[in-house]
Structures are given as structure tokens and as C-alpha cells.
Amino acid sequence: MSNKQLTKPIAVLGAGSWGTALAILLARNGNRTKLWARSPQHVQLMQTESANSKYLPAISFPEPLSVSSSLESTLDGVRDILIVVPSHGFRPLLEQIKPLLSDDNRIISACKGLDPESGNLLINVAAETLGKDLPLAVLSGPNFAAELAKDLPTATTIACLDKSFFDDLVTRMKNDRFRVYGSDDLIGVQLGGAVKNVIAVGAGMADGMGFGANARTALITRGLVELTRLGVAMGGKEATFRGMAGLGDLVLTCTDNQSRNRRFGLAIGRGQDLKQAEAEIGQVVEAVRNAKEVHFLAQEKNVEVPICDAIYRVLYKGLSPQEAAHNLLTRDLKFED
């Protein structure tokens, strides 16, 4: 790395499966990487085992990776800060780190979802909360944490309007097993990560009810239409939704049981209630919040999203999965758009 700034450590805030996988990638690439976890007990266990056995068992930490529960220690000497927490924890974490930031810092979000307080995009929340003109970026794509941590081939998208920041991120992250695509569509790249969660619940529900591959494929295809409609209405670019952060993430999340949102939908489709399904997953299911956020966002923008609305009604209004499927299949016929 020729740029002197890249000799500084990079911070990863959030030691769940995805944050840990990204920290492992960065450290493998030779970056001094500082991983922050909220729980001192979790940090102590990771330091003892040199691994995050809670989320990514049997994957050892590379040597340049350190772990701490102190934000002050983690951010000391750091310029670039990668935030990887559940979407509902994004704003509170920004408020915590705000006093620790300087004008030199740069923020990248790898969170998938919307702000539960406002329904806003998380990068907008960052700009509002920090009140600084800091460079911002978003990382999103068809990426399962375990596969990245195991060094399996993976591609993703980074959206960023600051070319220097984007180039530095690519330099830090790329290798012959991890490919980065660039984008200037911060809106589209963020929205794809939220809407696909909701559609994945629908795909899981359909499979849980035994509907088969035809129904799953129809849901994915029409789900992409809904994502694109809403994204364009919000100012995103249509091409973004055909890319990694749109179609790519949607297909991955709807078709593979590594997806918590899909597994949650499977449980609902098999007759479990909301609490039972969440308990079975045992981790945050972003789609539960996302369904409500996407529902109200679509209402605000006057965009028709029947699949997302059906999932919202199942999760919040007592509609059964069978009724939701019947309602979708018996909607007025129309030309495909």
C-alpha cells in the first residue's frame, strides 16, 4: 500500500458474523484491523480463542486482527471506520462514536436495513447524526459471512461518491478471492439490502408451505420488480437493481438456507408464530423490522409493492401465510412490467 493513510489501522464496529468476516478479510490482506464488540465477555472469549466461535467457529483470526470492547481504544489512530451492526443499532452507535471522531475520519456502512425511527436510509442518518462532512460509503452484495471468512470466491458492491475513499477501500479489501464492483448509487445499493430481506421471508414462507420452485422463482422475479419500483421512486438507478446489491443479493437470500431471513420465512410457512420463528433463528432477523419500514416507505412514495405488503400483513396484521399466497395469486391480471 503506497498511500501513507493506508498504513493506519482500520476499525470494524460490530463482531457479529458479517462484521467478523469483513475484519478477517481485511486482516488477511495485511491491514491492521481493530474489531469492536459491545460485550467485554465476548471480547475476552475471542481473545482467548483467537476466533469468534459464537458466530464463525473454527475460523482463526489472522495476526493483524485485534479485538476490544472499548470504542476509544478501537478508534484510536484510525481513519476508516466500517460499521457492521443491525440497522436498529446504527444510529445509537453513531451517537456513541460522534465525540471520538475527527474531520479526517471516513465511514463505510455494511449494515442492511433502514432506520427504524425514521424509515430513512442509514447513510442519510449518518450525515444527520454526525453533522460532519465526512466521506461516506456503503458495502452491500450477495455475501454470506461464513463463505467470505472461509476465503471462498465472493463479489460485492461499494457505493461511494468520494473517489479517493473508494480507491482506498478497494486497495484494502480486494484480493484474488474477493472482487469489488463500484457504484455511485448510494440510494439503490442501500435499499437493495433492505427490500431483499422482506422478499426472502416470502420465498421462505412459500417453501415452508411446500409450494415448490415455480412459486419461489415467481416471488424472486416479482420481488425484483417491487425493489426496482421503490428504488427508482426514491432516486436510485434502475441498473443498480440488476447488479450485485439488487438481483444478486435477492437471489442469494431467497434461495440459500444460510439466510436468516429465508429460514425465518420457512418457519412461518410451517406454522410457527413470530416469536417461535425468531427464537429458532437465534440471531437478529432484519426482515421483521424491514417489513414495517418498507411498507411505510412504499406508502409514502405511493409505490405498489404487493409482495412486501403481504409479508407485512403476515408479520403485523395476523394474516396467515396461506391467505397471503391466495391474495397474491388472485390479484387482477395484468401485463408484466
Protein backbone atom coordinates (compact mmCIF):
# COMPACT_ATOMS: atom_id res chain seq x y z
CA MET A 1 0.00 0.00 0.00
CA SER A 2 1.74 3.16 -1.17
CA ASN A 3 -0.70 5.62 0.38
CA LYS A 4 0.55 6.51 3.86
CA GLN A 5 -3.03 6.77 5.11
CA LEU A 6 -3.49 3.06 4.41
CA THR A 7 -0.80 2.19 6.92
CA LYS A 8 -3.24 3.34 9.60
CA PRO A 9 -5.39 0.62 11.16
CA ILE A 10 -9.00 0.21 10.07
CA ALA A 11 -11.80 -0.23 12.61
CA VAL A 12 -14.68 -2.68 12.25
CA LEU A 13 -17.52 -1.89 14.65
CA GLY A 14 -19.68 -4.96 15.19
CA ALA A 15 -18.50 -8.50 15.90
CA GLY A 16 -21.43 -10.49 14.59
CA SER A 17 -20.86 -12.94 11.76
CA TRP A 18 -20.68 -10.33 8.99
CA GLY A 19 -18.53 -7.83 10.87
CA THR A 20 -16.14 -10.58 11.91
CA ALA A 21 -15.91 -11.95 8.36
CA LEU A 22 -15.06 -8.50 6.99
CA ALA A 23 -12.48 -7.99 9.73
CA ILE A 24 -10.89 -11.34 8.84
CA LEU A 25 -10.78 -10.35 5.15
CA LEU A 26 -9.12 -7.02 5.94
CA ALA A 27 -6.57 -8.62 8.26
CA ARG A 28 -5.75 -11.38 5.77
CA ASN A 29 -5.00 -8.64 3.27
CA GLY A 30 -2.38 -7.22 5.62
CA ASN A 31 -4.41 -4.39 7.16
CA ARG A 32 -4.03 -3.75 10.87
CA THR A 33 -7.65 -4.36 11.81
CA LYS A 34 -9.35 -3.42 15.08
CA LEU A 35 -12.62 -5.27 15.72
CA TRP A 36 -15.01 -3.85 18.32
CA ALA A 37 -17.63 -5.87 20.18
CA ARG A 38 -20.05 -4.45 22.72
CA SER A 39 -19.71 -7.28 25.24
CA PRO A 40 -16.47 -7.50 27.29
CA GLN A 41 -17.21 -11.19 27.90
CA HIS A 42 -17.47 -11.82 24.15
CA VAL A 43 -14.21 -9.94 23.60
CA GLN A 44 -12.43 -11.95 26.29
CA LEU A 45 -13.58 -15.20 24.70
CA MET A 46 -12.43 -14.07 21.24
CA GLN A 47 -9.05 -13.01 22.61
CA THR A 48 -8.62 -16.35 24.36
CA GLU A 49 -9.62 -18.44 21.33
CA SER A 50 -8.29 -16.09 18.63
CA ALA A 51 -11.60 -16.74 16.88
CA ASN A 52 -15.27 -15.78 17.08
CA SER A 53 -16.64 -19.19 17.99
CA LYS A 54 -20.08 -17.72 18.69
CA TYR A 55 -20.66 -16.79 15.04
CA LEU A 56 -17.82 -18.23 12.92
CA PRO A 57 -16.49 -21.32 14.70
CA ALA A 58 -13.21 -22.92 13.64
CA ILE A 59 -12.02 -19.85 11.69
CA SER A 60 -8.89 -18.42 13.30
CA PHE A 61 -8.14 -14.71 13.39
CA PRO A 62 -5.20 -13.55 11.25
CA GLU A 63 -2.36 -11.96 13.20
CA PRO A 64 -3.09 -8.29 12.31
CA LEU A 65 -6.59 -8.56 13.89
CA SER A 66 -7.14 -7.28 17.43
CA VAL A 67 -10.38 -7.19 19.44
CA SER A 68 -11.67 -4.72 22.04
CA SER A 69 -14.87 -3.65 23.79
CA SER A 70 -13.58 -0.07 24.13
CA LEU A 71 -14.64 2.32 21.39
CA GLU A 72 -11.95 4.79 22.46
CA SER A 73 -9.22 2.19 22.07
CA THR A 74 -10.66 0.82 18.83
CA LEU A 75 -10.88 4.22 17.15
CA ASP A 76 -7.52 5.50 18.36
CA GLY A 77 -5.27 6.16 15.37
CA VAL A 78 -7.95 5.02 12.92
CA ARG A 79 -9.12 6.91 9.85
CA ASP A 80 -11.53 4.47 8.16
CA ILE A 81 -14.44 3.06 10.19
CA LEU A 82 -16.52 0.13 8.93
CA ILE A 83 -19.86 -0.15 10.76
CA VAL A 84 -21.47 -3.60 10.76
CA VAL A 85 -24.34 -3.70 13.26
CA PRO A 86 -28.08 -4.43 12.96
CA SER A 87 -29.87 -1.47 11.38
CA HIS A 88 -31.65 -0.56 14.62
CA GLY A 89 -28.27 -0.20 16.32
CA PHE A 90 -26.77 2.07 13.66
CA ARG A 91 -28.00 5.44 14.96
CA PRO A 92 -27.20 4.72 18.65
CA LEU A 93 -23.68 3.62 17.70
CA LEU A 94 -23.11 6.78 15.67
CA GLU A 95 -24.17 8.85 18.66
CA GLN A 96 -21.63 6.94 20.78
CA ILE A 97 -18.72 7.48 18.41
CA LYS A 98 -19.52 11.07 17.42
CA PRO A 99 -17.40 12.65 20.19
CA LEU A 100 -14.48 10.41 19.19
CA LEU A 101 -14.40 11.40 15.51
CA SER A 102 -12.21 13.93 13.73
CA ASP A 103 -12.62 15.66 10.38
CA ASP A 104 -10.22 13.08 8.93
CA ASN A 105 -12.46 10.07 9.54
CA ARG A 106 -14.33 8.22 6.80
CA ILE A 107 -17.36 5.98 7.37
CA ILE A 108 -18.46 2.87 5.48
CA SER A 109 -21.69 1.08 6.33
CA ALA A 110 -22.10 -2.64 5.75
CA CYS A 111 -25.48 -2.67 7.53
CA LYS A 112 -28.54 -3.90 5.64
CA GLY A 113 -31.80 -2.21 6.54
CA LEU A 114 -33.39 1.15 7.21
CA ASP A 115 -33.52 3.39 10.25
CA PRO A 116 -36.44 2.20 12.42
CA GLU A 117 -37.06 5.67 13.86
CA SER A 118 -37.49 7.47 10.55
CA GLY A 119 -37.51 4.81 7.82
CA ASN A 120 -34.58 6.71 6.34
CA LEU A 121 -31.54 5.30 4.57
CA LEU A 122 -28.70 4.69 7.01
CA ILE A 123 -26.20 6.87 5.16
CA ASN A 124 -28.65 9.77 5.49
CA VAL A 125 -28.84 9.00 9.21
CA ALA A 126 -25.03 9.12 9.35
CA ALA A 127 -24.93 12.53 7.69
CA GLU A 128 -27.64 13.87 10.00
CA THR A 129 -26.29 12.37 13.22
CA LEU A 130 -22.61 13.16 12.78
CA GLY A 131 -23.14 16.66 11.47
CA LYS A 132 -19.79 16.47 9.70
CA ASP A 133 -18.93 16.45 6.03
CA LEU A 134 -17.28 13.05 6.33
CA PRO A 135 -16.82 10.81 3.27
CA LEU A 136 -19.42 8.04 3.32
CA ALA A 137 -19.67 4.68 1.57
CA VAL A 138 -21.95 1.63 1.52
CA LEU A 139 -20.94 -2.02 1.07
CA SER A 140 -23.65 -4.45 0.02
CA GLY A 141 -23.96 -7.55 -2.12
CA PRO A 142 -24.66 -11.29 -2.29
CA ASN A 143 -22.37 -12.19 0.58
CA PHE A 144 -22.70 -14.83 3.29
CA ALA A 145 -20.31 -14.25 6.17
CA ALA A 146 -19.17 -17.86 6.57
CA GLU A 147 -18.19 -18.18 2.91
CA LEU A 148 -16.19 -14.95 2.98
CA ALA A 149 -14.46 -15.99 6.21
CA LYS A 150 -13.57 -19.35 4.62
CA ASP A 151 -11.96 -17.44 1.73
CA LEU A 152 -14.44 -18.72 -0.86
CA PRO A 153 -14.82 -16.60 -4.02
CA THR A 154 -17.07 -13.60 -3.34
CA ALA A 155 -18.04 -10.34 -5.07
CA THR A 156 -19.69 -7.25 -3.64
CA THR A 157 -20.53 -3.63 -4.41
CA ILE A 158 -19.21 -0.50 -2.75
CA ALA A 159 -21.12 2.71 -3.41
CA CYS A 160 -19.15 5.88 -2.75
CA LEU A 161 -19.07 9.40 -4.19
CA ASP A 162 -15.53 10.11 -2.98
CA LYS A 163 -13.12 8.53 -5.48
CA SER A 164 -10.13 8.64 -3.15
CA PHE A 165 -12.09 6.87 -0.40
CA PHE A 166 -13.41 4.26 -2.84
CA ASP A 167 -9.93 3.58 -4.22
CA ASP A 168 -8.54 3.16 -0.71
CA LEU A 169 -11.32 0.76 0.25
CA VAL A 170 -10.73 -1.34 -2.86
CA THR A 171 -7.00 -1.43 -2.12
CA ARG A 172 -7.69 -2.62 1.42
CA MET A 173 -10.30 -5.24 0.52
CA LYS A 174 -9.66 -6.73 -2.91
CA ASN A 175 -7.73 -9.94 -3.47
CA ASP A 176 -7.88 -12.85 -5.88
CA ARG A 177 -10.87 -14.30 -3.96
CA PHE A 178 -12.78 -11.08 -3.25
CA ARG A 179 -13.90 -8.82 -6.10
CA VAL A 180 -15.29 -5.31 -5.58
CA TYR A 181 -17.60 -3.51 -8.01
CA GLY A 182 -18.01 0.25 -7.72
CA SER A 183 -21.19 2.32 -7.79
CA ASP A 184 -22.18 5.94 -7.34
CA ASP A 185 -25.75 4.96 -6.39
CA LEU A 186 -25.81 5.19 -2.59
CA ILE A 187 -29.61 5.05 -2.56
CA GLY A 188 -30.00 1.94 -4.69
CA VAL A 189 -27.21 -0.05 -3.06
CA GLN A 190 -28.64 0.61 0.41
CA LEU A 191 -32.26 -0.08 -0.48
CA GLY A 192 -31.47 -3.41 -2.11
CA GLY A 193 -30.19 -4.75 1.19
CA ALA A 194 -33.44 -3.89 2.99
CA VAL A 195 -36.07 -4.94 0.46
CA LYS A 196 -34.43 -8.28 -0.37
CA ASN A 197 -34.76 -9.25 3.30
CA VAL A 198 -38.54 -8.92 3.07
CA ILE A 199 -38.80 -10.84 -0.20
CA ALA A 200 -36.61 -13.59 1.27
CA VAL A 201 -39.17 -14.11 4.03
CA GLY A 202 -41.80 -14.59 1.32
CA ALA A 203 -39.63 -17.10 -0.52
CA GLY A 204 -39.05 -18.98 2.72
CA MET A 205 -42.77 -18.96 3.53
CA ALA A 206 -43.60 -20.36 0.10
CA ASP A 207 -41.09 -23.17 0.53
CA GLY A 208 -42.29 -23.77 4.08
CA MET A 209 -45.79 -24.31 2.71
CA GLY A 210 -44.40 -26.72 0.10
CA PHE A 211 -45.13 -24.54 -2.94
CA GLY A 212 -42.02 -25.55 -4.89
CA ALA A 213 -39.55 -23.95 -7.28
CA ASN A 214 -42.15 -22.31 -9.55
CA ALA A 215 -43.56 -20.19 -6.74
CA ARG A 216 -40.12 -19.32 -5.37
CA THR A 217 -38.94 -18.13 -8.77
CA ALA A 218 -42.09 -16.07 -9.31
CA LEU A 219 -41.57 -14.38 -5.94
CA ILE A 220 -37.96 -13.55 -6.75
CA THR A 221 -38.86 -12.18 -10.17
CA ARG A 222 -41.75 -10.03 -8.99
CA GLY A 223 -39.78 -9.10 -5.88
CA LEU A 224 -37.14 -7.58 -8.13
CA VAL A 225 -39.88 -5.55 -9.82
CA GLU A 226 -41.00 -4.22 -6.43
CA LEU A 227 -37.45 -3.40 -5.39
CA THR A 228 -36.83 -1.56 -8.65
CA ARG A 229 -40.10 0.39 -8.46
CA LEU A 230 -39.42 1.57 -4.95
CA GLY A 231 -35.75 2.24 -5.58
CA VAL A 232 -36.36 4.38 -8.65
CA ALA A 233 -39.10 6.29 -6.80
CA MET A 234 -36.54 7.10 -4.11
CA GLY A 235 -33.96 8.30 -6.61
CA GLY A 236 -31.97 5.12 -7.17
CA LYS A 237 -30.76 3.97 -10.58
CA GLU A 238 -32.61 1.14 -12.31
CA ALA A 239 -29.33 -0.52 -13.35
CA THR A 240 -28.30 -0.89 -9.70
CA PHE A 241 -31.14 -3.32 -9.06
CA ARG A 242 -29.88 -5.63 -11.81
CA GLY A 243 -26.48 -5.78 -10.13
CA MET A 244 -24.81 -7.31 -7.09
CA ALA A 245 -26.65 -5.23 -4.50
CA GLY A 246 -30.02 -5.83 -6.16
CA LEU A 247 -30.64 -9.03 -8.12
CA GLY A 248 -27.51 -10.71 -6.76
CA ASP A 249 -28.37 -10.24 -3.10
CA LEU A 250 -32.03 -11.02 -3.74
CA VAL A 251 -31.33 -14.38 -5.41
CA LEU A 252 -28.79 -15.39 -2.77
CA THR A 253 -31.03 -14.54 0.16
CA CYS A 254 -34.13 -16.17 -1.32
CA THR A 255 -32.52 -19.46 -2.30
CA ASP A 256 -29.99 -20.47 0.35
CA ASN A 257 -30.69 -21.51 3.92
CA GLN A 258 -27.64 -19.65 5.20
CA SER A 259 -30.02 -16.67 5.06
CA ARG A 260 -31.64 -15.98 8.43
CA ASN A 261 -34.50 -14.15 6.70
CA ARG A 262 -35.25 -17.12 4.45
CA ARG A 263 -35.07 -19.56 7.39
CA PHE A 264 -37.40 -17.29 9.35
CA GLY A 265 -39.87 -17.43 6.45
CA LEU A 266 -39.58 -21.21 6.32
CA ALA A 267 -40.54 -21.40 10.00
CA ILE A 268 -43.53 -19.09 9.47
CA GLY A 269 -44.63 -21.11 6.43
CA ARG A 270 -44.51 -24.30 8.50
CA GLY A 271 -46.90 -22.82 11.05
CA GLN A 272 -44.69 -21.24 13.71
CA ASP A 273 -45.64 -17.85 15.08
CA LEU A 274 -43.37 -14.81 15.02
CA LYS A 275 -41.75 -15.39 18.42
CA GLN A 276 -41.20 -19.10 17.81
CA ALA A 277 -39.60 -18.41 14.44
CA GLU A 278 -37.29 -15.71 15.83
CA ALA A 279 -36.29 -17.97 18.72
CA GLU A 280 -35.45 -20.76 16.28
CA ILE A 281 -33.10 -18.47 14.33
CA GLY A 282 -31.37 -17.23 17.48
CA GLN A 283 -29.96 -14.10 15.83
CA VAL A 284 -31.36 -10.78 14.63
CA VAL A 285 -33.82 -11.23 11.75
CA GLU A 286 -33.58 -7.89 9.97
CA ALA A 287 -36.66 -8.58 7.84
CA VAL A 288 -39.00 -8.26 10.82
CA ARG A 289 -38.19 -4.56 11.13
CA ASN A 290 -37.58 -4.12 7.42
CA ALA A 291 -41.09 -5.31 6.53
CA LYS A 292 -42.62 -2.46 8.51
CA GLU A 293 -40.11 0.10 7.21
CA VAL A 294 -40.55 -0.90 3.56
CA HIS A 295 -44.35 -0.94 3.94
CA PHE A 296 -44.50 2.64 5.16
CA LEU A 297 -41.83 3.82 2.73
CA ALA A 298 -43.85 2.42 -0.18
CA GLN A 299 -46.98 4.14 1.14
CA GLU A 300 -45.10 7.42 1.42
CA LYS A 301 -43.84 7.11 -2.17
CA ASN A 302 -47.19 5.74 -3.45
CA VAL A 303 -45.49 2.66 -4.91
CA GLU A 304 -47.28 -0.66 -5.37
CA VAL A 305 -45.39 -3.50 -3.61
CA PRO A 306 -47.93 -6.33 -3.15
CA ILE A 307 -45.42 -8.99 -2.04
CA CYS A 308 -43.82 -6.73 0.55
CA ASP A 309 -47.29 -5.66 1.72
CA ALA A 310 -48.37 -9.29 2.07
CA ILE A 311 -45.31 -10.09 4.21
CA TYR A 312 -46.01 -7.03 6.35
CA ARG A 313 -49.60 -8.17 6.91
CA VAL A 314 -48.48 -11.68 7.88
CA LEU A 315 -45.96 -10.35 10.39
CA TYR A 316 -48.01 -7.49 11.84
CA LYS A 317 -51.71 -7.88 10.98
CA GLY A 318 -52.43 -11.54 11.64
CA LEU A 319 -52.80 -12.62 8.01
CA SER A 320 -51.96 -16.30 7.55
CA PRO A 321 -49.29 -17.30 5.00
CA GLN A 322 -51.96 -19.28 3.14
CA GLU A 323 -54.23 -16.22 2.90
CA ALA A 324 -51.30 -14.08 1.76
CA ALA A 325 -50.50 -16.54 -1.03
CA HIS A 326 -54.15 -16.72 -2.10
CA ASN A 327 -54.43 -12.93 -2.19
CA LEU A 328 -51.33 -12.58 -4.34
CA LEU A 329 -52.38 -15.31 -6.77
CA THR A 330 -55.90 -13.91 -7.22
CA ARG A 331 -54.94 -10.27 -7.83
CA ASP A 332 -56.30 -8.72 -11.02
CA LEU A 333 -54.46 -10.00 -14.08
CA LYS A 334 -52.19 -7.54 -15.87
CA PHE A 335 -49.41 -7.25 -18.40
CA GLU A 336 -45.97 -7.89 -16.95
CA ASP A 337 -43.97 -4.75 -16.25
